[in-house]
Amino acid sequence: MEDQQLLQLIGQGDNDAFSKIYKKYWKKLYVMAYNRLKDKKQSKDLVQDLFVTLWERRERLEIESLDSYLYSSVRYGVLKQVASHKITVDFFDALENLPLQASSADTNIVSKELWAAYNDMVGTMPAQRQKIFRMRFEDNMKTKAIAEELNITQKTVQNQLITSSQQIRSLLTIWMIFACLLFGRI
């Protein structure tokens, strides 16, 4: 049975048609998500959510090409997870790997620009917030250790980290998506 016929049946609430679509595409979509996210649970959840959404919206979806729709949905889901994930941690992981992956002058330029953008953003923070941010994310110190060293409460450290993370998240999100696209991770 063709995908379009199955979609019409799904639109009418046919569980068997939905099961056929699920069985046909689940593994391919999971592999696609996993190749980009490198996390089994996130990949599984993303694909499961996609199929739940497909079922919930079955009566009002107008899909011309099911495989294009599903693959685009996975790509969008991956981008959404990258954007909403704790970018600061992933940012440093990706940044550390950039020189190893450098294969062209463009890559070196991107790496330098990314570091410059990061340093500029952190440099705009108030002195104490900047210090707390660097201690946490560059020196990998725990919030309790930072609080003790700076003689402030752990709650103050946490609040400063939340504020600083929010301050740079949008910039890092854009750069991370760009870097992931550039290096074939998305």
C-alpha atoms as a PDB file:
ATOM      1  CA  MET A   1       0.000   0.000   0.000  1.00  0.00           C
ATOM      2  CA  GLU A   2       1.286   3.477  -0.907  1.00  0.00           C
ATOM      3  CA  ASP A   3       2.065   6.108   1.728  1.00  0.00           C
ATOM      4  CA  GLN A   4      -0.687   8.399   0.414  1.00  0.00           C
ATOM      5  CA  GLN A   5      -3.283   5.668   0.815  1.00  0.00           C
ATOM      6  CA  LEU A   6      -2.013   4.937   4.317  1.00  0.00           C
ATOM      7  CA  LEU A   7      -2.165   8.645   5.176  1.00  0.00           C
ATOM      8  CA  GLN A   8      -5.788   8.805   4.053  1.00  0.00           C
ATOM      9  CA  LEU A   9      -6.596   5.833   6.263  1.00  0.00           C
ATOM     10  CA  ILE A  10      -4.706   7.381   9.186  1.00  0.00           C
ATOM     11  CA  GLY A  11      -6.776  10.538   8.685  1.00  0.00           C
ATOM     12  CA  GLN A  12      -9.840   8.358   9.227  1.00  0.00           C
ATOM     13  CA  GLY A  13      -8.375   6.929  12.441  1.00  0.00           C
ATOM     14  CA  ASP A  14      -7.108   3.604  11.062  1.00  0.00           C
ATOM     15  CA  ASN A  15      -4.680   2.144  13.624  1.00  0.00           C
ATOM     16  CA  ASP A  16      -3.396  -0.528  11.233  1.00  0.00           C
ATOM     17  CA  ALA A  17      -2.386   2.085   8.659  1.00  0.00           C
ATOM     18  CA  PHE A  18      -0.612   4.044  11.373  1.00  0.00           C
ATOM     19  CA  SER A  19       1.231   0.891  12.488  1.00  0.00           C
ATOM     20  CA  LYS A  20       2.398   0.262   8.922  1.00  0.00           C
ATOM     21  CA  ILE A  21       3.770   3.795   8.622  1.00  0.00           C
ATOM     22  CA  TYR A  22       5.372   3.486  12.053  1.00  0.00           C
ATOM     23  CA  LYS A  23       7.069   0.178  11.202  1.00  0.00           C
ATOM     24  CA  LYS A  24       8.214   1.443   7.816  1.00  0.00           C
ATOM     25  CA  TYR A  25       9.825   4.676   9.047  1.00  0.00           C
ATOM     26  CA  TRP A  26      10.628   4.381  12.758  1.00  0.00           C
ATOM     27  CA  LYS A  27      14.095   2.851  12.459  1.00  0.00           C
ATOM     28  CA  LYS A  28      15.189   5.137   9.587  1.00  0.00           C
ATOM     29  CA  LEU A  29      14.067   8.227  11.503  1.00  0.00           C
ATOM     30  CA  TYR A  30      15.691   7.011  14.705  1.00  0.00           C
ATOM     31  CA  VAL A  31      19.022   6.428  12.922  1.00  0.00           C
ATOM     32  CA  MET A  32      18.801   9.885  11.358  1.00  0.00           C
ATOM     33  CA  ALA A  33      18.140  11.508  14.735  1.00  0.00           C
ATOM     34  CA  TYR A  34      20.832   9.451  16.481  1.00  0.00           C
ATOM     35  CA  ASN A  35      23.456  10.301  13.844  1.00  0.00           C
ATOM     36  CA  ARG A  36      22.910  13.943  14.662  1.00  0.00           C
ATOM     37  CA  LEU A  37      22.210  13.912  18.413  1.00  0.00           C
ATOM     38  CA  LYS A  38      24.467  10.995  19.448  1.00  0.00           C
ATOM     39  CA  ASP A  39      22.030  10.253  22.262  1.00  0.00           C
ATOM     40  CA  LYS A  40      19.812   7.155  22.180  1.00  0.00           C
ATOM     41  CA  LYS A  41      17.161   8.441  24.580  1.00  0.00           C
ATOM     42  CA  GLN A  42      16.829  11.857  22.949  1.00  0.00           C
ATOM     43  CA  SER A  43      16.684  10.264  19.505  1.00  0.00           C
ATOM     44  CA  LYS A  44      14.043   7.753  20.563  1.00  0.00           C
ATOM     45  CA  ASP A  45      11.978  10.469  22.280  1.00  0.00           C
ATOM     46  CA  LEU A  46      12.207  12.747  19.250  1.00  0.00           C
ATOM     47  CA  VAL A  47      10.925  10.042  16.883  1.00  0.00           C
ATOM     48  CA  GLN A  48       8.227   8.916  19.313  1.00  0.00           C
ATOM     49  CA  ASP A  49       7.031  12.516  19.696  1.00  0.00           C
ATOM     50  CA  LEU A  50       6.956  12.873  15.919  1.00  0.00           C
ATOM     51  CA  PHE A  51       4.658   9.865  15.572  1.00  0.00           C
ATOM     52  CA  VAL A  52       2.465  11.016  18.458  1.00  0.00           C
ATOM     53  CA  THR A  53       2.097  14.388  16.732  1.00  0.00           C
ATOM     54  CA  LEU A  54       1.331  12.670  13.424  1.00  0.00           C
ATOM     55  CA  TRP A  55      -1.458  10.687  15.086  1.00  0.00           C
ATOM     56  CA  GLU A  56      -2.850  13.640  17.052  1.00  0.00           C
ATOM     57  CA  ARG A  57      -2.989  15.851  13.949  1.00  0.00           C
ATOM     58  CA  ARG A  58      -4.057  13.092  11.554  1.00  0.00           C
ATOM     59  CA  GLU A  59      -7.398  14.683  10.678  1.00  0.00           C
ATOM     60  CA  ARG A  60      -6.011  18.057   9.642  1.00  0.00           C
ATOM     61  CA  LEU A  61      -2.613  17.230   8.139  1.00  0.00           C
ATOM     62  CA  GLU A  62      -2.189  17.741   4.419  1.00  0.00           C
ATOM     63  CA  ILE A  63       1.006  15.919   3.533  1.00  0.00           C
ATOM     64  CA  GLU A  64       2.085  15.575  -0.087  1.00  0.00           C
ATOM     65  CA  SER A  65       5.197  13.492   0.563  1.00  0.00           C
ATOM     66  CA  LEU A  66       5.238  11.501   3.787  1.00  0.00           C
ATOM     67  CA  ASP A  67       8.935  10.686   3.773  1.00  0.00           C
ATOM     68  CA  SER A  68       9.848  14.352   3.158  1.00  0.00           C
ATOM     69  CA  TYR A  69       7.501  15.409   5.938  1.00  0.00           C
ATOM     70  CA  LEU A  70       8.931  12.880   8.399  1.00  0.00           C
ATOM     71  CA  TYR A  71      12.588  13.586   7.594  1.00  0.00           C
ATOM     72  CA  SER A  72      11.999  17.346   7.746  1.00  0.00           C
ATOM     73  CA  SER A  73      10.264  16.899  11.084  1.00  0.00           C
ATOM     74  CA  VAL A  74      13.245  14.986  12.459  1.00  0.00           C
ATOM     75  CA  ARG A  75      15.654  17.652  11.193  1.00  0.00           C
ATOM     76  CA  TYR A  76      13.518  20.372  12.806  1.00  0.00           C
ATOM     77  CA  GLY A  77      13.314  18.352  16.030  1.00  0.00           C
ATOM     78  CA  VAL A  78      17.094  17.977  16.095  1.00  0.00           C
ATOM     79  CA  LEU A  79      17.580  21.713  15.575  1.00  0.00           C
ATOM     80  CA  LYS A  80      15.044  22.433  18.300  1.00  0.00           C
ATOM     81  CA  GLN A  81      16.815  20.105  20.737  1.00  0.00           C
ATOM     82  CA  VAL A  82      20.199  21.604  19.925  1.00  0.00           C
ATOM     83  CA  ALA A  83      18.778  25.071  20.515  1.00  0.00           C
ATOM     84  CA  SER A  84      17.055  24.181  23.783  1.00  0.00           C
ATOM     85  CA  HIS A  85      19.801  21.931  25.155  1.00  0.00           C
ATOM     86  CA  LYS A  86      22.338  23.251  27.625  1.00  0.00           C
ATOM     87  CA  ILE A  87      24.274  25.004  24.917  1.00  0.00           C
ATOM     88  CA  THR A  88      27.086  26.146  27.171  1.00  0.00           C
ATOM     89  CA  VAL A  89      28.266  22.597  27.875  1.00  0.00           C
ATOM     90  CA  ASP A  90      27.960  21.458  24.249  1.00  0.00           C
ATOM     91  CA  PHE A  91      29.583  24.690  23.117  1.00  0.00           C
ATOM     92  CA  PHE A  92      32.825  23.895  24.928  1.00  0.00           C
ATOM     93  CA  ASP A  93      32.820  20.292  23.677  1.00  0.00           C
ATOM     94  CA  ALA A  94      32.391  21.417  20.082  1.00  0.00           C
ATOM     95  CA  LEU A  95      34.890  24.225  20.484  1.00  0.00           C
ATOM     96  CA  GLU A  96      37.541  21.838  21.779  1.00  0.00           C
ATOM     97  CA  ASN A  97      37.044  19.623  18.726  1.00  0.00           C
ATOM     98  CA  LEU A  98      37.110  22.354  16.100  1.00  0.00           C
ATOM     99  CA  PRO A  99      40.895  22.471  15.618  1.00  0.00           C
ATOM    100  CA  LEU A 100      40.992  18.678  15.200  1.00  0.00           C
ATOM    101  CA  GLN A 101      38.380  18.897  12.495  1.00  0.00           C
ATOM    102  CA  ALA A 102      39.936  21.865  10.766  1.00  0.00           C
ATOM    103  CA  SER A 103      40.502  20.973   7.163  1.00  0.00           C
ATOM    104  CA  SER A 104      40.358  24.377   5.540  1.00  0.00           C
ATOM    105  CA  ALA A 105      41.063  28.030   6.077  1.00  0.00           C
ATOM    106  CA  ASP A 106      37.316  28.594   6.447  1.00  0.00           C
ATOM    107  CA  THR A 107      37.152  26.246   9.411  1.00  0.00           C
ATOM    108  CA  ASN A 108      40.008  28.042  11.143  1.00  0.00           C
ATOM    109  CA  ILE A 109      38.295  31.368  10.559  1.00  0.00           C
ATOM    110  CA  VAL A 110      35.008  30.057  11.956  1.00  0.00           C
ATOM    111  CA  SER A 111      36.819  28.699  15.008  1.00  0.00           C
ATOM    112  CA  LYS A 112      38.527  32.042  15.648  1.00  0.00           C
ATOM    113  CA  GLU A 113      35.303  33.984  15.111  1.00  0.00           C
ATOM    114  CA  LEU A 114      33.444  31.688  17.476  1.00  0.00           C
ATOM    115  CA  TRP A 115      36.047  32.149  20.195  1.00  0.00           C
ATOM    116  CA  ALA A 116      35.999  35.909  19.638  1.00  0.00           C
ATOM    117  CA  ALA A 117      32.193  36.020  19.850  1.00  0.00           C
ATOM    118  CA  TYR A 118      32.271  33.941  23.025  1.00  0.00           C
ATOM    119  CA  ASN A 119      34.936  36.137  24.655  1.00  0.00           C
ATOM    120  CA  ASP A 120      33.093  39.305  23.625  1.00  0.00           C
ATOM    121  CA  MET A 121      29.843  38.030  25.114  1.00  0.00           C
ATOM    122  CA  VAL A 122      31.443  36.913  28.367  1.00  0.00           C
ATOM    123  CA  GLY A 123      33.415  40.169  28.477  1.00  0.00           C
ATOM    124  CA  THR A 124      30.194  42.200  28.565  1.00  0.00           C
ATOM    125  CA  MET A 125      29.095  40.555  31.816  1.00  0.00           C
ATOM    126  CA  PRO A 126      29.565  42.346  35.148  1.00  0.00           C
ATOM    127  CA  ALA A 127      32.870  41.363  36.794  1.00  0.00           C
ATOM    128  CA  GLN A 128      31.480  38.971  39.418  1.00  0.00           C
ATOM    129  CA  ARG A 129      29.079  37.276  37.005  1.00  0.00           C
ATOM    130  CA  GLN A 130      31.908  36.881  34.493  1.00  0.00           C
ATOM    131  CA  LYS A 131      34.167  35.360  37.151  1.00  0.00           C
ATOM    132  CA  ILE A 132      31.457  32.928  38.293  1.00  0.00           C
ATOM    133  CA  PHE A 133      30.688  31.951  34.701  1.00  0.00           C
ATOM    134  CA  ARG A 134      34.346  31.297  33.875  1.00  0.00           C
ATOM    135  CA  MET A 135      34.888  29.343  37.099  1.00  0.00           C
ATOM    136  CA  ARG A 136      31.898  27.125  36.337  1.00  0.00           C
ATOM    137  CA  PHE A 137      32.226  26.545  32.609  1.00  0.00           C
ATOM    138  CA  GLU A 138      35.924  27.029  31.913  1.00  0.00           C
ATOM    139  CA  ASP A 139      37.398  25.694  35.155  1.00  0.00           C
ATOM    140  CA  ASN A 140      34.600  23.116  35.663  1.00  0.00           C
ATOM    141  CA  MET A 141      34.103  24.091  39.294  1.00  0.00           C
ATOM    142  CA  LYS A 142      30.953  23.075  41.168  1.00  0.00           C
ATOM    143  CA  THR A 143      28.624  25.814  42.411  1.00  0.00           C
ATOM    144  CA  LYS A 144      29.408  24.949  46.015  1.00  0.00           C
ATOM    145  CA  ALA A 145      33.165  25.348  45.438  1.00  0.00           C
ATOM    146  CA  ILE A 146      32.626  28.669  43.650  1.00  0.00           C
ATOM    147  CA  ALA A 147      30.470  29.936  46.521  1.00  0.00           C
ATOM    148  CA  GLU A 148      33.113  28.965  49.065  1.00  0.00           C
ATOM    149  CA  GLU A 149      35.971  30.515  47.089  1.00  0.00           C
ATOM    150  CA  LEU A 150      34.123  33.795  46.503  1.00  0.00           C
ATOM    151  CA  ASN A 151      32.563  33.814  49.976  1.00  0.00           C
ATOM    152  CA  ILE A 152      29.006  34.122  48.663  1.00  0.00           C
ATOM    153  CA  THR A 153      25.944  31.886  48.932  1.00  0.00           C
ATOM    154  CA  GLN A 154      25.471  28.965  46.588  1.00  0.00           C
ATOM    155  CA  LYS A 155      22.093  30.436  45.607  1.00  0.00           C
ATOM    156  CA  THR A 156      23.833  33.644  44.468  1.00  0.00           C
ATOM    157  CA  VAL A 157      26.185  31.566  42.326  1.00  0.00           C
ATOM    158  CA  GLN A 158      23.243  29.688  40.801  1.00  0.00           C
ATOM    159  CA  ASN A 159      21.351  32.911  40.084  1.00  0.00           C
ATOM    160  CA  GLN A 160      24.414  34.464  38.443  1.00  0.00           C
ATOM    161  CA  LEU A 161      24.906  31.340  36.319  1.00  0.00           C
ATOM    162  CA  ILE A 162      21.285  31.377  35.200  1.00  0.00           C
ATOM    163  CA  THR A 163      21.530  35.039  34.246  1.00  0.00           C
ATOM    164  CA  SER A 164      24.848  34.624  32.428  1.00  0.00           C
ATOM    165  CA  SER A 165      23.665  31.521  30.590  1.00  0.00           C
ATOM    166  CA  GLN A 166      20.551  33.326  29.411  1.00  0.00           C
ATOM    167  CA  GLN A 167      22.692  36.256  28.327  1.00  0.00           C
ATOM    168  CA  ILE A 168      24.797  34.204  25.933  1.00  0.00           C
ATOM    169  CA  ARG A 169      22.411  31.379  25.001  1.00  0.00           C
ATOM    170  CA  SER A 170      20.974  33.033  21.902  1.00  0.00           C
ATOM    171  CA  LEU A 171      24.401  33.815  20.452  1.00  0.00           C
ATOM    172  CA  LEU A 172      25.747  30.364  21.209  1.00  0.00           C
ATOM    173  CA  THR A 173      22.637  28.718  19.826  1.00  0.00           C
ATOM    174  CA  ILE A 174      23.121  30.417  16.492  1.00  0.00           C
ATOM    175  CA  TRP A 175      26.833  29.592  16.435  1.00  0.00           C
ATOM    176  CA  MET A 176      26.294  25.982  17.498  1.00  0.00           C
ATOM    177  CA  ILE A 177      23.718  25.384  14.794  1.00  0.00           C
ATOM    178  CA  PHE A 178      26.063  26.974  12.272  1.00  0.00           C
ATOM    179  CA  ALA A 179      29.022  24.887  13.470  1.00  0.00           C
ATOM    180  CA  CYS A 180      26.971  21.677  13.492  1.00  0.00           C
ATOM    181  CA  LEU A 181      25.757  22.337   9.969  1.00  0.00           C
ATOM    182  CA  LEU A 182      29.279  23.196   8.849  1.00  0.00           C
ATOM    183  CA  PHE A 183      30.775  20.025  10.313  1.00  0.00           C
ATOM    184  CA  GLY A 184      27.948  17.736   9.254  1.00  0.00           C
ATOM    185  CA  ARG A 185      26.485  17.055  12.678  1.00  0.00           C
ATOM    186  CA  ILE A 186      22.997  18.156  11.658  1.00  0.00           C
END
